[in-house]
């Protein structure tokens, strides 16, 4: 069955109905798609902490851009990439450089990496032939690792601060296409009210803290708690908590 591309409105509806504990059958009927389309959406676009419509939209758009780049490569060039990577261990930069000398200036390094990621999404193994297995592409927005000190874990969050009433936020970051650019998101758990802002300095902890403070300053006094994960970009959590007069809690790794 063909996979139907979902709209932002459909993804928002999925998010809301999941929070209401609706069944997948009910959700699929509500947004007018098959259960298989819904299941594929949840599988492909859910994050470590579950499904959120805005993050799902970003992931889907990123995947679509990679697919467009994939389709822009001729079969001849795709075969050339495969041969050079598998048999001669060429890097994407070497391949792009050689093609450029041959007058193929439209095939840049990022296009080749997009092709490799699309190949991986489809079960291919080209990524295994990357010298750093794609990991180095994400370092463009990564700040040096900073340990998160003085955390208060989610176990210590009062039971009544469960999102059943307004004031409890979840904070997360989204890394853009090929590791370029980052966005910080804040979602109020009761109303699903969402704030998002670009991070010009990537996942730098101090810059992120200042951005979050500016985003939530208009709501000071109404922010009961913020829950986040253990990413080093949240190392300045004490500054955020102090300026916004709130409490910040950390989820355990791999919890949702």
C-alpha atoms as a PDB file:
ATOM      1  CA  UNK A   1       0.000   0.000   0.000  1.00  0.00           C
ATOM      2  CA  UNK A   2       1.299   3.453  -0.925  1.00  0.00           C
ATOM      3  CA  UNK A   3       2.386   5.613   2.004  1.00  0.00           C
ATOM      4  CA  UNK A   4       0.390   8.853   2.191  1.00  0.00           C
ATOM      5  CA  UNK A   5       2.264  12.009   3.151  1.00  0.00           C
ATOM      6  CA  UNK A   6       0.597  13.584   6.165  1.00  0.00           C
ATOM      7  CA  UNK A   7      -0.077  17.270   6.717  1.00  0.00           C
ATOM      8  CA  UNK A   8       0.949  19.267   9.774  1.00  0.00           C
ATOM      9  CA  UNK A   9      -2.722  19.363  10.794  1.00  0.00           C
ATOM     10  CA  UNK A  10      -2.963  15.567  10.654  1.00  0.00           C
ATOM     11  CA  UNK A  11       0.219  15.216  12.722  1.00  0.00           C
ATOM     12  CA  UNK A  12      -1.140  17.653  15.298  1.00  0.00           C
ATOM     13  CA  UNK A  13      -4.343  15.585  15.524  1.00  0.00           C
ATOM     14  CA  UNK A  14      -2.318  12.385  15.990  1.00  0.00           C
ATOM     15  CA  UNK A  15      -0.400  14.026  18.841  1.00  0.00           C
ATOM     16  CA  UNK A  16      -3.564  15.198  20.602  1.00  0.00           C
ATOM     17  CA  UNK A  17      -5.377  11.858  20.246  1.00  0.00           C
ATOM     18  CA  UNK A  18      -2.364   9.873  21.467  1.00  0.00           C
ATOM     19  CA  UNK A  19      -2.346  12.016  24.605  1.00  0.00           C
ATOM     20  CA  UNK A  20      -6.033  11.196  24.995  1.00  0.00           C
ATOM     21  CA  UNK A  21      -5.155   7.462  24.826  1.00  0.00           C
ATOM     22  CA  UNK A  22      -7.192   6.869  21.681  1.00  0.00           C
ATOM     23  CA  UNK A  23      -6.583   3.632  19.785  1.00  0.00           C
ATOM     24  CA  UNK A  24      -4.651   3.590  16.537  1.00  0.00           C
ATOM     25  CA  UNK A  25      -7.793   2.518  14.715  1.00  0.00           C
ATOM     26  CA  UNK A  26      -9.699   5.543  16.048  1.00  0.00           C
ATOM     27  CA  UNK A  27      -6.849   7.905  15.206  1.00  0.00           C
ATOM     28  CA  UNK A  28      -6.502   6.565  11.657  1.00  0.00           C
ATOM     29  CA  UNK A  29     -10.238   6.968  11.060  1.00  0.00           C
ATOM     30  CA  UNK A  30     -10.218  10.503  12.463  1.00  0.00           C
ATOM     31  CA  UNK A  31      -7.441  11.757  10.167  1.00  0.00           C
ATOM     32  CA  UNK A  32      -8.640   9.749   7.170  1.00  0.00           C
ATOM     33  CA  UNK A  33      -5.744   7.359   6.583  1.00  0.00           C
ATOM     34  CA  UNK A  34      -5.192   3.626   6.839  1.00  0.00           C
ATOM     35  CA  UNK A  35      -3.841   2.054  10.014  1.00  0.00           C
ATOM     36  CA  UNK A  36      -0.712   1.021   8.108  1.00  0.00           C
ATOM     37  CA  UNK A  37      -0.051   4.657   7.180  1.00  0.00           C
ATOM     38  CA  UNK A  38      -0.495   5.695  10.808  1.00  0.00           C
ATOM     39  CA  UNK A  39       1.770   2.907  12.072  1.00  0.00           C
ATOM     40  CA  UNK A  40       4.465   3.883   9.607  1.00  0.00           C
ATOM     41  CA  UNK A  41       4.193   7.528  10.666  1.00  0.00           C
ATOM     42  CA  UNK A  42       4.634   6.603  14.337  1.00  0.00           C
ATOM     43  CA  UNK A  43       7.541   4.287  13.571  1.00  0.00           C
ATOM     44  CA  UNK A  44       9.428   6.736  11.371  1.00  0.00           C
ATOM     45  CA  UNK A  45       8.762  10.040  13.117  1.00  0.00           C
ATOM     46  CA  UNK A  46       8.517   9.286  16.841  1.00  0.00           C
ATOM     47  CA  UNK A  47      11.360  10.458  19.044  1.00  0.00           C
ATOM     48  CA  UNK A  48      13.058   9.027  22.092  1.00  0.00           C
ATOM     49  CA  UNK A  49      10.314  10.462  24.279  1.00  0.00           C
ATOM     50  CA  UNK A  50       7.364   9.590  22.101  1.00  0.00           C
ATOM     51  CA  UNK A  51       5.493  11.311  19.271  1.00  0.00           C
ATOM     52  CA  UNK A  52       5.289  15.075  18.960  1.00  0.00           C
ATOM     53  CA  UNK A  53       3.702  16.601  15.884  1.00  0.00           C
ATOM     54  CA  UNK A  54       6.166  19.458  15.383  1.00  0.00           C
ATOM     55  CA  UNK A  55       9.229  17.217  15.628  1.00  0.00           C
ATOM     56  CA  UNK A  56       7.527  14.692  13.349  1.00  0.00           C
ATOM     57  CA  UNK A  57       6.975  17.453  10.795  1.00  0.00           C
ATOM     58  CA  UNK A  58      10.674  18.386  10.888  1.00  0.00           C
ATOM     59  CA  UNK A  59      11.739  14.747  10.478  1.00  0.00           C
ATOM     60  CA  UNK A  60       9.367  14.197   7.576  1.00  0.00           C
ATOM     61  CA  UNK A  61      10.525  17.365   5.797  1.00  0.00           C
ATOM     62  CA  UNK A  62      14.153  16.355   6.269  1.00  0.00           C
ATOM     63  CA  UNK A  63      13.464  12.905   4.831  1.00  0.00           C
ATOM     64  CA  UNK A  64      11.651  14.435   1.848  1.00  0.00           C
ATOM     65  CA  UNK A  65      14.595  16.725   1.081  1.00  0.00           C
ATOM     66  CA  UNK A  66      16.963  13.762   1.199  1.00  0.00           C
ATOM     67  CA  UNK A  67      14.684  11.853  -1.162  1.00  0.00           C
ATOM     68  CA  UNK A  68      14.667  14.768  -3.616  1.00  0.00           C
ATOM     69  CA  UNK A  69      18.465  14.864  -3.525  1.00  0.00           C
ATOM     70  CA  UNK A  70      18.518  11.098  -4.078  1.00  0.00           C
ATOM     71  CA  UNK A  71      16.322  11.426  -7.142  1.00  0.00           C
ATOM     72  CA  UNK A  72      18.509  14.218  -8.529  1.00  0.00           C
ATOM     73  CA  UNK A  73      21.358  11.715  -8.934  1.00  0.00           C
ATOM     74  CA  UNK A  74      21.413   9.741 -12.160  1.00  0.00           C
ATOM     75  CA  UNK A  75      21.673   5.965 -12.047  1.00  0.00           C
ATOM     76  CA  UNK A  76      25.184   6.315 -13.462  1.00  0.00           C
ATOM     77  CA  UNK A  77      26.307   8.553 -10.591  1.00  0.00           C
ATOM     78  CA  UNK A  78      24.608   6.391  -7.948  1.00  0.00           C
ATOM     79  CA  UNK A  79      26.438   3.337  -9.269  1.00  0.00           C
ATOM     80  CA  UNK A  80      29.700   5.307  -9.334  1.00  0.00           C
ATOM     81  CA  UNK A  81      29.238   6.282  -5.667  1.00  0.00           C
ATOM     82  CA  UNK A  82      28.541   2.688  -4.673  1.00  0.00           C
ATOM     83  CA  UNK A  83      31.582   1.312  -6.504  1.00  0.00           C
ATOM     84  CA  UNK A  84      33.993   3.932  -5.178  1.00  0.00           C
ATOM     85  CA  UNK A  85      32.778   3.603  -1.578  1.00  0.00           C
ATOM     86  CA  UNK A  86      32.537  -0.182  -1.456  1.00  0.00           C
ATOM     87  CA  UNK A  87      35.547  -1.193  -3.528  1.00  0.00           C
ATOM     88  CA  UNK A  88      38.000   1.686  -3.152  1.00  0.00           C
ATOM     89  CA  UNK A  89      36.887   3.185   0.180  1.00  0.00           C
ATOM     90  CA  UNK A  90      36.553   6.679  -1.239  1.00  0.00           C
ATOM     91  CA  UNK A  91      34.992   9.272   1.050  1.00  0.00           C
ATOM     92  CA  UNK A  92      32.012  11.396  -0.076  1.00  0.00           C
ATOM     93  CA  UNK A  93      34.360  14.402  -0.240  1.00  0.00           C
ATOM     94  CA  UNK A  94      36.705  12.530  -2.592  1.00  0.00           C
ATOM     95  CA  UNK A  95      33.800  11.465  -4.786  1.00  0.00           C
ATOM     96  CA  UNK A  96      32.371  14.993  -4.964  1.00  0.00           C
ATOM     97  CA  UNK A  97      35.825  16.372  -5.779  1.00  0.00           C
ATOM     98  CA  UNK A  98      36.352  13.906  -8.629  1.00  0.00           C
ATOM     99  CA  UNK A  99      32.894  14.579 -10.059  1.00  0.00           C
ATOM    100  CA  UNK A 100      33.494  18.321  -9.864  1.00  0.00           C
ATOM    101  CA  UNK A 101      36.647  17.917 -11.960  1.00  0.00           C
ATOM    102  CA  UNK A 102      34.514  16.057 -14.498  1.00  0.00           C
ATOM    103  CA  UNK A 103      32.124  19.006 -14.718  1.00  0.00           C
ATOM    104  CA  UNK A 104      29.449  17.535 -12.389  1.00  0.00           C
ATOM    105  CA  UNK A 105      29.388  20.584 -10.102  1.00  0.00           C
ATOM    106  CA  UNK A 106      25.787  19.964  -9.019  1.00  0.00           C
ATOM    107  CA  UNK A 107      26.793  16.842  -7.060  1.00  0.00           C
ATOM    108  CA  UNK A 108      28.104  18.260  -3.781  1.00  0.00           C
ATOM    109  CA  UNK A 109      29.207  16.463  -0.618  1.00  0.00           C
ATOM    110  CA  UNK A 110      25.860  17.107   1.101  1.00  0.00           C
ATOM    111  CA  UNK A 111      23.980  15.555  -1.827  1.00  0.00           C
ATOM    112  CA  UNK A 112      26.114  12.425  -1.527  1.00  0.00           C
ATOM    113  CA  UNK A 113      25.507  12.211   2.232  1.00  0.00           C
ATOM    114  CA  UNK A 114      21.785  12.677   1.623  1.00  0.00           C
ATOM    115  CA  UNK A 115      21.943   9.767  -0.820  1.00  0.00           C
ATOM    116  CA  UNK A 116      23.780   7.619   1.748  1.00  0.00           C
ATOM    117  CA  UNK A 117      21.158   8.386   4.404  1.00  0.00           C
ATOM    118  CA  UNK A 118      18.317   7.604   2.033  1.00  0.00           C
ATOM    119  CA  UNK A 119      20.058   4.349   1.142  1.00  0.00           C
ATOM    120  CA  UNK A 120      20.314   3.559   4.854  1.00  0.00           C
ATOM    121  CA  UNK A 121      16.608   4.352   5.400  1.00  0.00           C
ATOM    122  CA  UNK A 122      15.847   1.819   2.668  1.00  0.00           C
ATOM    123  CA  UNK A 123      17.974  -0.896   4.266  1.00  0.00           C
ATOM    124  CA  UNK A 124      21.183  -0.262   2.328  1.00  0.00           C
ATOM    125  CA  UNK A 125      24.711  -0.574   3.698  1.00  0.00           C
ATOM    126  CA  UNK A 126      26.582   2.364   2.141  1.00  0.00           C
ATOM    127  CA  UNK A 127      26.713   4.102   5.506  1.00  0.00           C
ATOM    128  CA  UNK A 128      28.911   1.272   6.804  1.00  0.00           C
ATOM    129  CA  UNK A 129      31.558   2.295   4.282  1.00  0.00           C
ATOM    130  CA  UNK A 130      31.722   5.873   5.597  1.00  0.00           C
ATOM    131  CA  UNK A 131      34.928   6.341   7.534  1.00  0.00           C
ATOM    132  CA  UNK A 132      32.993   7.793  10.464  1.00  0.00           C
ATOM    133  CA  UNK A 133      29.659   6.079   9.678  1.00  0.00           C
ATOM    134  CA  UNK A 134      27.920   9.470   9.242  1.00  0.00           C
ATOM    135  CA  UNK A 135      28.553  10.536  12.821  1.00  0.00           C
ATOM    136  CA  UNK A 136      30.913  13.332  11.847  1.00  0.00           C
ATOM    137  CA  UNK A 137      28.181  15.111   9.900  1.00  0.00           C
ATOM    138  CA  UNK A 138      26.467  15.992  13.173  1.00  0.00           C
ATOM    139  CA  UNK A 139      29.458  17.620  14.782  1.00  0.00           C
ATOM    140  CA  UNK A 140      28.766  20.842  12.929  1.00  0.00           C
ATOM    141  CA  UNK A 141      26.318  21.976  15.609  1.00  0.00           C
ATOM    142  CA  UNK A 142      27.716  20.080  18.571  1.00  0.00           C
ATOM    143  CA  UNK A 143      29.364  21.923  21.415  1.00  0.00           C
ATOM    144  CA  UNK A 144      32.191  20.313  23.405  1.00  0.00           C
ATOM    145  CA  UNK A 145      30.714  17.817  25.836  1.00  0.00           C
ATOM    146  CA  UNK A 146      29.782  19.367  29.159  1.00  0.00           C
ATOM    147  CA  UNK A 147      28.609  17.131  31.997  1.00  0.00           C
ATOM    148  CA  UNK A 148      25.243  18.114  33.441  1.00  0.00           C
ATOM    149  CA  UNK A 149      25.836  18.728  37.131  1.00  0.00           C
ATOM    150  CA  UNK A 150      23.401  19.166  40.044  1.00  0.00           C
ATOM    151  CA  UNK A 151      20.473  17.527  38.293  1.00  0.00           C
ATOM    152  CA  UNK A 152      17.138  16.860  39.957  1.00  0.00           C
ATOM    153  CA  UNK A 153      15.776  13.644  38.510  1.00  0.00           C
ATOM    154  CA  UNK A 154      12.191  13.125  37.436  1.00  0.00           C
ATOM    155  CA  UNK A 155      11.653  10.751  40.380  1.00  0.00           C
ATOM    156  CA  UNK A 156      11.644  13.819  42.637  1.00  0.00           C
ATOM    157  CA  UNK A 157       9.017  15.667  40.636  1.00  0.00           C
ATOM    158  CA  UNK A 158       5.748  15.905  42.607  1.00  0.00           C
ATOM    159  CA  UNK A 159       3.182  13.419  41.337  1.00  0.00           C
ATOM    160  CA  UNK A 160       0.606  16.163  40.777  1.00  0.00           C
ATOM    161  CA  UNK A 161       2.966  17.918  38.352  1.00  0.00           C
ATOM    162  CA  UNK A 162       2.078  15.377  35.675  1.00  0.00           C
ATOM    163  CA  UNK A 163       0.742  17.751  33.046  1.00  0.00           C
ATOM    164  CA  UNK A 164      -2.880  17.353  34.125  1.00  0.00           C
ATOM    165  CA  UNK A 165      -3.017  21.104  34.814  1.00  0.00           C
ATOM    166  CA  UNK A 166      -1.221  23.940  32.972  1.00  0.00           C
ATOM    167  CA  UNK A 167       2.311  24.972  33.867  1.00  0.00           C
ATOM    168  CA  UNK A 168       4.462  21.900  33.203  1.00  0.00           C
ATOM    169  CA  UNK A 169       6.738  22.124  30.158  1.00  0.00           C
ATOM    170  CA  UNK A 170       8.937  19.672  28.267  1.00  0.00           C
ATOM    171  CA  UNK A 171      12.166  20.999  26.740  1.00  0.00           C
ATOM    172  CA  UNK A 172      14.059  19.393  23.871  1.00  0.00           C
ATOM    173  CA  UNK A 173      16.299  20.167  20.909  1.00  0.00           C
ATOM    174  CA  UNK A 174      16.008  19.236  17.244  1.00  0.00           C
ATOM    175  CA  UNK A 175      19.044  19.004  14.970  1.00  0.00           C
ATOM    176  CA  UNK A 176      18.422  19.970  11.366  1.00  0.00           C
ATOM    177  CA  UNK A 177      19.314  18.415   8.037  1.00  0.00           C
ATOM    178  CA  UNK A 178      22.740  16.775   7.951  1.00  0.00           C
ATOM    179  CA  UNK A 179      23.471  18.091  11.434  1.00  0.00           C
ATOM    180  CA  UNK A 180      23.211  21.726  10.335  1.00  0.00           C
ATOM    181  CA  UNK A 181      21.358  24.072  12.664  1.00  0.00           C
ATOM    182  CA  UNK A 182      19.443  23.343  15.840  1.00  0.00           C
ATOM    183  CA  UNK A 183      16.102  24.325  17.341  1.00  0.00           C
ATOM    184  CA  UNK A 184      14.996  24.345  20.966  1.00  0.00           C
ATOM    185  CA  UNK A 185      11.360  23.420  21.618  1.00  0.00           C
ATOM    186  CA  UNK A 186       9.191  23.950  24.688  1.00  0.00           C
ATOM    187  CA  UNK A 187       5.862  22.143  24.918  1.00  0.00           C
ATOM    188  CA  UNK A 188       3.304  22.816  27.661  1.00  0.00           C
ATOM    189  CA  UNK A 189       2.079  19.322  28.493  1.00  0.00           C
ATOM    190  CA  UNK A 190      -1.530  20.126  29.351  1.00  0.00           C
ATOM    191  CA  UNK A 191      -2.472  22.362  26.412  1.00  0.00           C
ATOM    192  CA  UNK A 192       0.214  21.272  23.912  1.00  0.00           C
ATOM    193  CA  UNK A 193       1.126  24.954  23.547  1.00  0.00           C
ATOM    194  CA  UNK A 194       4.453  24.941  21.713  1.00  0.00           C
ATOM    195  CA  UNK A 195       7.328  27.403  21.414  1.00  0.00           C
ATOM    196  CA  UNK A 196      10.305  26.871  19.115  1.00  0.00           C
ATOM    197  CA  UNK A 197      13.341  28.963  18.271  1.00  0.00           C
ATOM    198  CA  UNK A 198      16.508  28.520  16.231  1.00  0.00           C
ATOM    199  CA  UNK A 199      19.838  28.227  18.041  1.00  0.00           C
ATOM    200  CA  UNK A 200      22.448  30.176  16.025  1.00  0.00           C
ATOM    201  CA  UNK A 201      25.260  28.716  18.147  1.00  0.00           C
ATOM    202  CA  UNK A 202      23.958  25.178  17.875  1.00  0.00           C
ATOM    203  CA  UNK A 203      23.729  23.193  21.105  1.00  0.00           C
ATOM    204  CA  UNK A 204      25.940  25.521  23.133  1.00  0.00           C
ATOM    205  CA  UNK A 205      24.669  25.307  26.728  1.00  0.00           C
ATOM    206  CA  UNK A 206      24.994  28.991  27.687  1.00  0.00           C
ATOM    207  CA  UNK A 207      23.456  30.245  24.463  1.00  0.00           C
ATOM    208  CA  UNK A 208      20.594  27.759  24.780  1.00  0.00           C
ATOM    209  CA  UNK A 209      19.927  28.864  28.352  1.00  0.00           C
ATOM    210  CA  UNK A 210      19.667  32.524  27.332  1.00  0.00           C
ATOM    211  CA  UNK A 211      17.343  31.614  24.467  1.00  0.00           C
ATOM    212  CA  UNK A 212      15.031  29.582  26.708  1.00  0.00           C
ATOM    213  CA  UNK A 213      14.920  32.384  29.272  1.00  0.00           C
ATOM    214  CA  UNK A 214      13.882  34.910  26.618  1.00  0.00           C
ATOM    215  CA  UNK A 215      11.256  32.524  25.243  1.00  0.00           C
ATOM    216  CA  UNK A 216       9.592  31.886  28.603  1.00  0.00           C
ATOM    217  CA  UNK A 217      10.112  35.255  30.277  1.00  0.00           C
ATOM    218  CA  UNK A 218       6.618  36.494  29.272  1.00  0.00           C
ATOM    219  CA  UNK A 219       5.145  33.513  31.154  1.00  0.00           C
ATOM    220  CA  UNK A 220       7.140  33.860  34.358  1.00  0.00           C
ATOM    221  CA  UNK A 221       5.036  32.951  37.362  1.00  0.00           C
ATOM    222  CA  UNK A 222       3.067  30.422  35.331  1.00  0.00           C
ATOM    223  CA  UNK A 223       5.929  27.982  34.728  1.00  0.00           C
ATOM    224  CA  UNK A 224       5.668  25.308  37.390  1.00  0.00           C
ATOM    225  CA  UNK A 225       8.221  22.874  35.996  1.00  0.00           C
ATOM    226  CA  UNK A 226      10.387  22.025  32.995  1.00  0.00           C
ATOM    227  CA  UNK A 227      11.337  18.425  32.234  1.00  0.00           C
ATOM    228  CA  UNK A 228      14.133  17.555  29.829  1.00  0.00           C
ATOM    229  CA  UNK A 229      16.711  14.894  28.986  1.00  0.00           C
ATOM    230  CA  UNK A 230      20.377  14.635  29.901  1.00  0.00           C
ATOM    231  CA  UNK A 231      21.893  16.300  26.832  1.00  0.00           C
ATOM    232  CA  UNK A 232      24.938  18.440  27.570  1.00  0.00           C
ATOM    233  CA  UNK A 233      23.166  21.397  25.941  1.00  0.00           C
ATOM    234  CA  UNK A 234      21.110  21.633  29.153  1.00  0.00           C
ATOM    235  CA  UNK A 235      24.160  21.999  31.409  1.00  0.00           C
ATOM    236  CA  UNK A 236      23.102  25.563  32.348  1.00  0.00           C
ATOM    237  CA  UNK A 237      19.785  24.379  33.766  1.00  0.00           C
ATOM    238  CA  UNK A 238      20.394  26.091  37.112  1.00  0.00           C
ATOM    239  CA  UNK A 239      20.572  29.467  35.362  1.00  0.00           C
ATOM    240  CA  UNK A 240      17.298  28.778  33.553  1.00  0.00           C
ATOM    241  CA  UNK A 241      15.591  27.694  36.777  1.00  0.00           C
ATOM    242  CA  UNK A 242      16.827  30.760  38.665  1.00  0.00           C
ATOM    243  CA  UNK A 243      15.849  33.338  36.043  1.00  0.00           C
ATOM    244  CA  UNK A 244      12.423  31.800  35.403  1.00  0.00           C
ATOM    245  CA  UNK A 245      11.771  30.953  39.065  1.00  0.00           C
ATOM    246  CA  UNK A 246      10.890  27.358  38.249  1.00  0.00           C
ATOM    247  CA  UNK A 247      12.060  23.779  38.818  1.00  0.00           C
ATOM    248  CA  UNK A 248      13.843  21.678  36.202  1.00  0.00           C
ATOM    249  CA  UNK A 249      13.743  17.879  36.233  1.00  0.00           C
ATOM    250  CA  UNK A 250      15.734  15.370  34.180  1.00  0.00           C
ATOM    251  CA  UNK A 251      14.324  12.174  32.700  1.00  0.00           C
ATOM    252  CA  UNK A 252      16.370   9.018  32.996  1.00  0.00           C
ATOM    253  CA  UNK A 253      18.258   8.083  29.812  1.00  0.00           C
ATOM    254  CA  UNK A 254      16.097   6.288  27.215  1.00  0.00           C
ATOM    255  CA  UNK A 255      12.871   6.900  29.123  1.00  0.00           C
ATOM    256  CA  UNK A 256       9.886   8.310  27.324  1.00  0.00           C
END
